N, C-alpha and C. Protein backbone atom coordinates (compact mmCIF):
# COMPACT_ATOMS: atom_id res chain seq x y z
N CYS A 1 4.07 4.53 -0.70
CA CYS A 1 3.65 5.58 -1.72
C CYS A 1 2.34 6.17 -1.26
N ILE A 2 2.12 7.43 -1.47
CA ILE A 2 0.84 7.96 -1.18
C ILE A 2 0.24 8.63 -2.55
N ASP A 3 -0.99 8.38 -2.87
CA ASP A 3 -1.67 9.03 -3.89
C ASP A 3 -2.37 10.18 -3.28
N TRP A 4 -1.67 11.40 -3.33
CA TRP A 4 -2.27 12.59 -2.64
C TRP A 4 -3.56 13.05 -3.19
N GLU A 5 -3.66 12.93 -4.54
CA GLU A 5 -4.98 13.41 -5.17
C GLU A 5 -6.20 12.64 -4.71
N TYR A 6 -6.02 11.32 -4.38
CA TYR A 6 -7.17 10.46 -3.94
C TYR A 6 -7.12 10.12 -2.45
N SER A 7 -6.07 10.65 -1.74
CA SER A 7 -5.78 10.39 -0.25
C SER A 7 -5.78 8.86 0.03
N VAL A 8 -4.95 8.09 -0.72
CA VAL A 8 -4.76 6.72 -0.44
C VAL A 8 -3.25 6.43 -0.27
N GLY A 9 -3.08 5.67 0.96
CA GLY A 9 -1.61 5.19 1.17
C GLY A 9 -1.49 3.83 0.86
N TYR A 10 -0.22 3.52 0.38
CA TYR A 10 0.06 2.14 0.04
C TYR A 10 1.32 1.66 0.82
N ILE A 11 1.12 0.45 1.47
CA ILE A 11 2.17 -0.09 2.37
C ILE A 11 2.69 -1.40 1.82
N GLY A 12 3.88 -1.54 1.84
CA GLY A 12 4.51 -2.84 1.58
C GLY A 12 5.57 -3.07 2.59
N TYR A 13 5.90 -4.26 3.11
CA TYR A 13 6.86 -4.44 4.11
C TYR A 13 7.57 -5.81 4.00
N TRP A 14 8.73 -5.85 4.66
CA TRP A 14 9.51 -7.06 4.82
C TRP A 14 10.22 -7.01 6.14
N LEU A 15 10.32 -8.11 6.82
CA LEU A 15 10.99 -8.24 8.17
C LEU A 15 11.86 -9.43 8.12
N ALA A 16 13.05 -9.36 8.66
CA ALA A 16 14.03 -10.34 8.69
C ALA A 16 13.43 -11.51 9.50
N PRO A 17 13.64 -12.78 9.01
CA PRO A 17 13.06 -13.87 9.73
C PRO A 17 13.31 -14.08 11.18
N ASP A 18 14.56 -13.59 11.72
CA ASP A 18 14.78 -13.65 13.17
C ASP A 18 13.85 -12.74 14.00
N TYR A 19 13.18 -11.93 13.34
CA TYR A 19 12.20 -10.95 14.12
C TYR A 19 10.78 -11.36 13.89
N HIS A 20 10.43 -12.45 13.22
CA HIS A 20 9.05 -12.91 12.88
C HIS A 20 8.48 -13.25 14.27
N GLY A 21 7.10 -13.18 14.39
CA GLY A 21 6.31 -13.66 15.45
C GLY A 21 6.47 -12.83 16.77
N LYS A 22 7.09 -11.69 16.71
CA LYS A 22 7.28 -10.87 17.91
C LYS A 22 6.34 -9.59 17.90
N GLY A 23 5.43 -9.59 16.95
CA GLY A 23 4.54 -8.43 16.88
C GLY A 23 5.12 -7.01 16.37
N ILE A 24 6.32 -7.13 15.92
CA ILE A 24 7.04 -5.97 15.47
C ILE A 24 6.34 -5.32 14.24
N MET A 25 6.04 -6.15 13.24
CA MET A 25 5.42 -5.61 12.03
C MET A 25 3.97 -5.11 12.28
N THR A 26 3.21 -5.91 13.08
CA THR A 26 1.91 -5.39 13.43
C THR A 26 1.95 -4.04 14.12
N THR A 27 2.89 -3.93 15.00
CA THR A 27 3.02 -2.59 15.68
C THR A 27 3.39 -1.52 14.73
N ALA A 28 4.36 -1.77 13.90
CA ALA A 28 4.86 -0.75 12.93
C ALA A 28 3.74 -0.35 11.94
N VAL A 29 2.98 -1.27 11.46
CA VAL A 29 1.90 -0.96 10.53
C VAL A 29 0.79 -0.20 11.20
N GLN A 30 0.46 -0.60 12.50
CA GLN A 30 -0.53 0.21 13.23
C GLN A 30 -0.09 1.63 13.29
N MET A 31 1.12 1.87 13.56
CA MET A 31 1.73 3.28 13.69
C MET A 31 1.54 3.96 12.32
N LEU A 32 1.77 3.28 11.28
CA LEU A 32 1.65 3.91 9.97
C LEU A 32 0.24 4.22 9.62
N ILE A 33 -0.76 3.38 10.04
CA ILE A 33 -2.16 3.60 9.94
C ILE A 33 -2.45 4.88 10.65
N ASP A 34 -2.11 4.97 11.98
CA ASP A 34 -2.41 6.11 12.79
C ASP A 34 -1.96 7.34 12.21
N ILE A 35 -0.76 7.35 11.66
CA ILE A 35 -0.13 8.57 10.93
C ILE A 35 -0.94 8.92 9.74
N GLY A 36 -1.19 7.80 8.98
CA GLY A 36 -1.98 8.01 7.73
C GLY A 36 -3.36 8.67 7.86
N PHE A 37 -4.18 8.14 8.81
CA PHE A 37 -5.46 8.56 9.01
C PHE A 37 -5.61 9.83 9.87
N GLU A 38 -4.77 9.90 11.00
CA GLU A 38 -4.80 11.10 11.83
C GLU A 38 -4.10 12.26 11.42
N ASP A 39 -2.88 12.08 11.00
CA ASP A 39 -2.04 13.23 10.61
C ASP A 39 -2.10 13.63 9.01
N LEU A 40 -2.17 12.53 8.26
CA LEU A 40 -2.08 12.80 6.76
C LEU A 40 -3.57 12.93 6.22
N LYS A 41 -4.57 12.51 7.01
CA LYS A 41 -5.95 12.57 6.62
C LYS A 41 -6.28 11.77 5.43
N LEU A 42 -5.59 10.53 5.29
CA LEU A 42 -5.85 9.67 4.21
C LEU A 42 -7.32 8.96 4.30
N HIS A 43 -7.89 8.66 3.19
CA HIS A 43 -9.18 8.03 3.35
C HIS A 43 -9.08 6.45 3.35
N HIS A 44 -7.95 6.02 2.73
CA HIS A 44 -7.76 4.47 2.73
C HIS A 44 -6.31 4.16 2.73
N VAL A 45 -6.00 3.02 3.26
CA VAL A 45 -4.66 2.49 3.22
C VAL A 45 -4.72 1.08 2.65
N ASP A 46 -3.82 0.84 1.80
CA ASP A 46 -3.68 -0.60 1.15
C ASP A 46 -2.43 -1.23 1.54
N ILE A 47 -2.47 -2.54 1.81
CA ILE A 47 -1.32 -3.36 1.97
C ILE A 47 -1.26 -4.39 0.88
N THR A 48 -0.15 -4.49 0.19
CA THR A 48 0.03 -5.50 -0.86
C THR A 48 0.98 -6.54 -0.31
N THR A 49 0.64 -7.75 -0.53
CA THR A 49 1.53 -8.90 0.02
C THR A 49 1.60 -9.89 -1.19
N ARG A 50 2.73 -10.71 -1.10
CA ARG A 50 2.72 -11.85 -1.99
C ARG A 50 1.70 -12.82 -1.57
N ARG A 51 1.03 -13.51 -2.52
CA ARG A 51 0.05 -14.41 -2.15
C ARG A 51 0.52 -15.53 -1.25
N SER A 52 1.78 -15.86 -1.42
CA SER A 52 2.31 -16.96 -0.70
C SER A 52 2.79 -16.66 0.71
N ASN A 53 2.69 -15.40 1.02
CA ASN A 53 3.19 -14.89 2.30
C ASN A 53 2.14 -14.76 3.39
N SER A 54 1.88 -15.90 4.05
CA SER A 54 0.80 -15.97 5.00
C SER A 54 1.02 -15.10 6.23
N ALA A 55 2.30 -14.88 6.54
CA ALA A 55 2.59 -14.02 7.75
C ALA A 55 2.25 -12.57 7.45
N SER A 56 2.56 -12.17 6.22
CA SER A 56 2.26 -10.76 5.89
C SER A 56 0.71 -10.54 5.82
N LYS A 57 0.03 -11.49 5.16
CA LYS A 57 -1.39 -11.43 5.13
C LYS A 57 -2.09 -11.40 6.46
N ALA A 58 -1.46 -12.14 7.45
CA ALA A 58 -1.93 -12.26 8.83
C ALA A 58 -1.97 -10.78 9.50
N VAL A 59 -0.79 -10.10 9.26
CA VAL A 59 -0.70 -8.76 9.70
C VAL A 59 -1.86 -7.89 9.26
N ALA A 60 -2.10 -7.94 8.01
CA ALA A 60 -3.19 -7.13 7.43
C ALA A 60 -4.57 -7.52 8.05
N LYS A 61 -4.77 -8.71 8.12
CA LYS A 61 -6.13 -9.23 8.63
C LYS A 61 -6.28 -8.90 10.11
N ARG A 62 -5.18 -9.04 10.91
CA ARG A 62 -5.12 -8.73 12.27
C ARG A 62 -5.51 -7.28 12.59
N LEU A 63 -5.11 -6.38 11.60
CA LEU A 63 -5.40 -4.91 11.82
C LEU A 63 -6.65 -4.51 11.15
N GLY A 64 -7.40 -5.40 10.64
CA GLY A 64 -8.83 -5.09 10.19
C GLY A 64 -8.82 -4.74 8.71
N PHE A 65 -7.91 -5.01 8.00
CA PHE A 65 -7.90 -4.75 6.58
C PHE A 65 -8.69 -5.84 5.93
N GLU A 66 -9.39 -5.50 4.82
CA GLU A 66 -10.33 -6.40 4.13
C GLU A 66 -9.62 -6.79 2.75
N PRO A 67 -9.66 -8.00 2.34
CA PRO A 67 -9.11 -8.46 0.98
C PRO A 67 -9.82 -7.79 -0.16
N GLN A 68 -9.04 -7.54 -1.17
CA GLN A 68 -9.57 -6.83 -2.32
C GLN A 68 -9.28 -7.72 -3.55
N PRO A 69 -10.29 -8.25 -4.33
CA PRO A 69 -10.06 -9.11 -5.36
C PRO A 69 -9.77 -8.36 -6.71
N ASN A 70 -9.15 -9.11 -7.64
CA ASN A 70 -9.09 -8.78 -9.05
C ASN A 70 -8.30 -7.55 -9.43
N ILE A 71 -7.25 -7.26 -8.82
CA ILE A 71 -6.41 -6.09 -9.12
C ILE A 71 -4.95 -6.36 -9.50
N GLU A 72 -4.56 -7.65 -9.63
CA GLU A 72 -3.21 -8.06 -9.87
C GLU A 72 -2.66 -7.33 -11.03
N ASP A 73 -3.31 -7.20 -12.12
CA ASP A 73 -2.71 -6.61 -13.29
C ASP A 73 -2.29 -5.14 -13.01
N GLY A 74 -3.12 -4.44 -12.23
CA GLY A 74 -2.72 -3.11 -11.84
C GLY A 74 -1.57 -3.06 -11.01
N ILE A 75 -1.34 -3.89 -10.12
CA ILE A 75 -0.24 -3.96 -9.16
C ILE A 75 1.08 -4.20 -10.08
N ARG A 76 1.00 -5.16 -10.95
CA ARG A 76 2.07 -5.44 -11.80
C ARG A 76 2.60 -4.25 -12.68
N SER A 77 1.60 -3.60 -13.17
CA SER A 77 1.88 -2.40 -14.01
C SER A 77 2.55 -1.32 -13.12
N ILE A 78 1.93 -0.98 -11.97
CA ILE A 78 2.49 0.02 -11.06
C ILE A 78 3.84 -0.42 -10.66
N GLY A 79 3.95 -1.66 -10.20
CA GLY A 79 5.23 -2.13 -9.64
C GLY A 79 6.37 -2.05 -10.63
N SER A 80 6.03 -2.37 -11.93
CA SER A 80 7.05 -2.30 -13.02
C SER A 80 7.51 -0.82 -13.16
N ARG A 81 6.55 0.12 -13.21
CA ARG A 81 6.95 1.48 -13.35
C ARG A 81 7.72 2.15 -12.13
N LEU A 82 7.35 1.62 -10.92
CA LEU A 82 8.06 2.12 -9.68
C LEU A 82 9.50 1.65 -9.70
N THR A 83 9.81 0.46 -10.23
CA THR A 83 11.14 -0.08 -10.16
C THR A 83 11.88 0.17 -11.55
N GLY A 84 11.31 0.98 -12.43
CA GLY A 84 11.91 1.16 -13.70
C GLY A 84 12.01 -0.09 -14.53
N GLY A 85 11.28 -1.07 -14.19
CA GLY A 85 11.34 -2.30 -14.97
C GLY A 85 12.35 -3.25 -14.52
N PHE A 86 13.15 -2.96 -13.40
CA PHE A 86 14.21 -3.71 -13.01
C PHE A 86 13.79 -5.00 -12.33
N ILE A 87 12.60 -4.86 -11.67
CA ILE A 87 12.02 -6.11 -11.04
C ILE A 87 10.87 -6.58 -11.85
N SER A 88 10.89 -7.92 -12.12
CA SER A 88 9.78 -8.51 -12.89
C SER A 88 8.70 -9.05 -11.93
N PHE A 89 7.52 -8.60 -12.13
CA PHE A 89 6.37 -9.15 -11.37
C PHE A 89 5.56 -10.09 -12.23
N ALA A 90 6.03 -10.57 -13.33
CA ALA A 90 5.25 -11.48 -14.19
C ALA A 90 4.85 -12.78 -13.52
N ASP A 91 5.72 -13.37 -12.63
CA ASP A 91 5.37 -14.67 -12.10
C ASP A 91 4.97 -14.53 -10.60
N VAL A 92 4.84 -13.29 -10.13
CA VAL A 92 4.46 -13.12 -8.72
C VAL A 92 2.89 -12.82 -8.61
N GLN A 93 2.36 -13.57 -7.64
CA GLN A 93 0.86 -13.31 -7.41
C GLN A 93 0.74 -12.49 -6.12
N PHE A 94 -0.15 -11.55 -6.15
CA PHE A 94 -0.30 -10.67 -4.97
C PHE A 94 -1.70 -10.78 -4.43
N ASP A 95 -1.83 -10.34 -3.13
CA ASP A 95 -3.12 -10.10 -2.50
C ASP A 95 -3.04 -8.66 -2.02
N VAL A 96 -4.13 -8.03 -2.05
CA VAL A 96 -4.24 -6.60 -1.68
C VAL A 96 -5.29 -6.50 -0.59
N PHE A 97 -5.02 -5.81 0.55
CA PHE A 97 -6.02 -5.57 1.62
C PHE A 97 -6.11 -4.09 1.81
N THR A 98 -7.42 -3.68 2.12
CA THR A 98 -7.68 -2.32 2.25
C THR A 98 -8.26 -2.03 3.65
N LEU A 99 -7.88 -0.94 4.27
CA LEU A 99 -8.40 -0.29 5.50
C LEU A 99 -8.88 1.07 5.18
N SER A 100 -10.21 1.37 5.47
CA SER A 100 -10.71 2.73 5.28
C SER A 100 -10.81 3.51 6.61
N SER A 101 -10.55 4.78 6.44
CA SER A 101 -10.57 5.60 7.65
C SER A 101 -12.04 5.68 8.15
N PRO A 102 -12.25 5.69 9.41
CA PRO A 102 -13.59 5.81 9.89
C PRO A 102 -14.39 7.08 9.49
N THR A 103 -13.66 8.02 9.01
CA THR A 103 -14.31 9.20 8.56
C THR A 103 -14.37 9.40 7.05
N SER A 104 -13.89 8.35 6.32
CA SER A 104 -13.92 8.37 4.92
C SER A 104 -15.33 8.32 4.30
N THR A 105 -15.64 9.05 3.36
CA THR A 105 -16.93 9.07 2.63
C THR A 105 -16.81 8.58 1.23
N THR A 106 -15.59 8.02 0.82
CA THR A 106 -15.39 7.60 -0.47
C THR A 106 -15.18 5.95 -0.48
N LEU A 107 -15.54 5.32 -1.51
CA LEU A 107 -15.40 3.91 -1.66
C LEU A 107 -13.99 3.55 -1.92
N ALA A 108 -13.42 2.54 -1.20
CA ALA A 108 -12.05 2.10 -1.54
C ALA A 108 -11.83 1.64 -2.95
N SER A 109 -12.92 0.95 -3.47
CA SER A 109 -12.80 0.39 -4.89
C SER A 109 -12.75 1.49 -5.85
N GLU A 110 -13.37 2.62 -5.55
CA GLU A 110 -13.38 3.78 -6.47
C GLU A 110 -11.90 4.36 -6.49
N GLN A 111 -11.36 4.51 -5.30
CA GLN A 111 -10.03 5.07 -5.23
C GLN A 111 -8.98 4.21 -5.87
N ARG A 112 -9.08 2.86 -5.69
CA ARG A 112 -8.18 1.88 -6.22
C ARG A 112 -8.32 1.92 -7.75
N ARG A 113 -9.54 1.99 -8.32
CA ARG A 113 -9.65 2.01 -9.77
C ARG A 113 -8.92 3.26 -10.35
N ASN A 114 -9.10 4.39 -9.75
CA ASN A 114 -8.39 5.49 -10.18
C ASN A 114 -6.86 5.48 -10.14
N PHE A 115 -6.41 4.83 -9.04
CA PHE A 115 -4.98 4.66 -8.81
C PHE A 115 -4.46 3.73 -9.92
N PHE A 116 -4.95 2.55 -9.96
CA PHE A 116 -4.31 1.49 -10.78
C PHE A 116 -4.57 1.65 -12.32
N PHE A 117 -5.68 2.16 -12.66
CA PHE A 117 -6.02 2.13 -13.98
C PHE A 117 -6.07 3.60 -14.70
N GLN A 118 -6.07 4.61 -13.98
CA GLN A 118 -6.18 5.92 -14.64
C GLN A 118 -4.96 6.79 -14.33
N ARG A 119 -4.26 6.53 -13.34
CA ARG A 119 -3.11 7.48 -12.92
C ARG A 119 -1.81 6.86 -13.43
N GLU A 120 -0.80 7.84 -13.62
CA GLU A 120 0.58 7.38 -13.92
C GLU A 120 1.34 7.64 -12.57
N CYS A 121 2.38 6.81 -12.39
CA CYS A 121 3.18 6.94 -11.18
C CYS A 121 3.81 8.29 -11.10
N SER A 122 4.17 8.87 -12.16
CA SER A 122 4.83 10.21 -12.06
C SER A 122 3.94 11.22 -11.58
N LYS A 123 2.67 11.04 -11.72
CA LYS A 123 1.51 12.04 -11.22
C LYS A 123 1.18 11.80 -9.75
N ILE A 124 1.40 10.57 -9.29
CA ILE A 124 1.02 10.43 -7.88
C ILE A 124 2.17 10.51 -6.85
N MET A 125 3.35 10.51 -7.36
CA MET A 125 4.43 10.61 -6.39
C MET A 125 4.72 12.08 -6.22
N LYS A 126 4.65 12.51 -4.99
CA LYS A 126 4.78 13.92 -4.63
C LYS A 126 6.13 13.97 -3.74
N PRO A 127 7.15 14.40 -4.34
CA PRO A 127 8.47 14.50 -3.60
C PRO A 127 8.42 15.38 -2.47
N SER A 128 9.19 14.94 -1.46
CA SER A 128 9.33 15.75 -0.28
C SER A 128 10.09 17.08 -0.50
N LYS A 129 9.98 18.00 0.33
CA LYS A 129 10.68 19.31 0.06
C LYS A 129 12.19 19.13 0.10
N SER A 130 12.65 18.20 0.98
CA SER A 130 14.09 18.11 1.19
C SER A 130 14.74 17.09 0.24
N ASP A 131 13.90 16.28 -0.58
CA ASP A 131 14.53 15.36 -1.41
C ASP A 131 13.61 15.19 -2.60
N HIS A 132 13.97 15.68 -3.73
CA HIS A 132 13.15 15.70 -4.91
C HIS A 132 13.31 14.42 -5.76
N THR A 133 14.18 13.49 -5.31
CA THR A 133 14.37 12.23 -6.09
C THR A 133 13.56 11.05 -5.52
N HIS A 134 12.95 11.20 -4.40
CA HIS A 134 12.23 10.06 -3.80
C HIS A 134 10.73 10.48 -3.53
N SER A 135 9.95 9.35 -3.59
CA SER A 135 8.49 9.59 -3.23
C SER A 135 8.32 9.73 -1.75
N ASN A 136 7.28 10.33 -1.28
CA ASN A 136 6.94 10.33 0.09
C ASN A 136 6.30 8.98 0.42
N THR A 137 6.56 8.43 1.59
CA THR A 137 6.02 7.18 1.99
C THR A 137 5.39 7.46 3.43
N ILE A 138 4.47 6.56 3.81
CA ILE A 138 4.00 6.62 5.16
C ILE A 138 4.56 5.47 5.98
């Protein structure tokens, strides 16, 4: 998902267990970062992982993302709206990691606060020209 107003990209990922430990996700996320910062001119990129998923957290840390505390309630609220309430996040604990563009002049915490607490998902999802039913992703 991309918050176009605040130039923040949000990444989540899953990889089949047979492909773990091969550097696939690290490479894929690095490519997304490059596209996000170079082509889309994003200021920040966030990765959200389940707290129990040490492999996902390792990808974020390996790529230089910094952990961000105290934003779980916002994630649950956004996640519920993104899934139409079909997926319950009540019992899931999350960790969020942020990477800022080298050229960014805004604080990641400021962008996150605006995204999680002041914006509605319908306002941040900018449909692509070819498909007005899905949000753009990086």
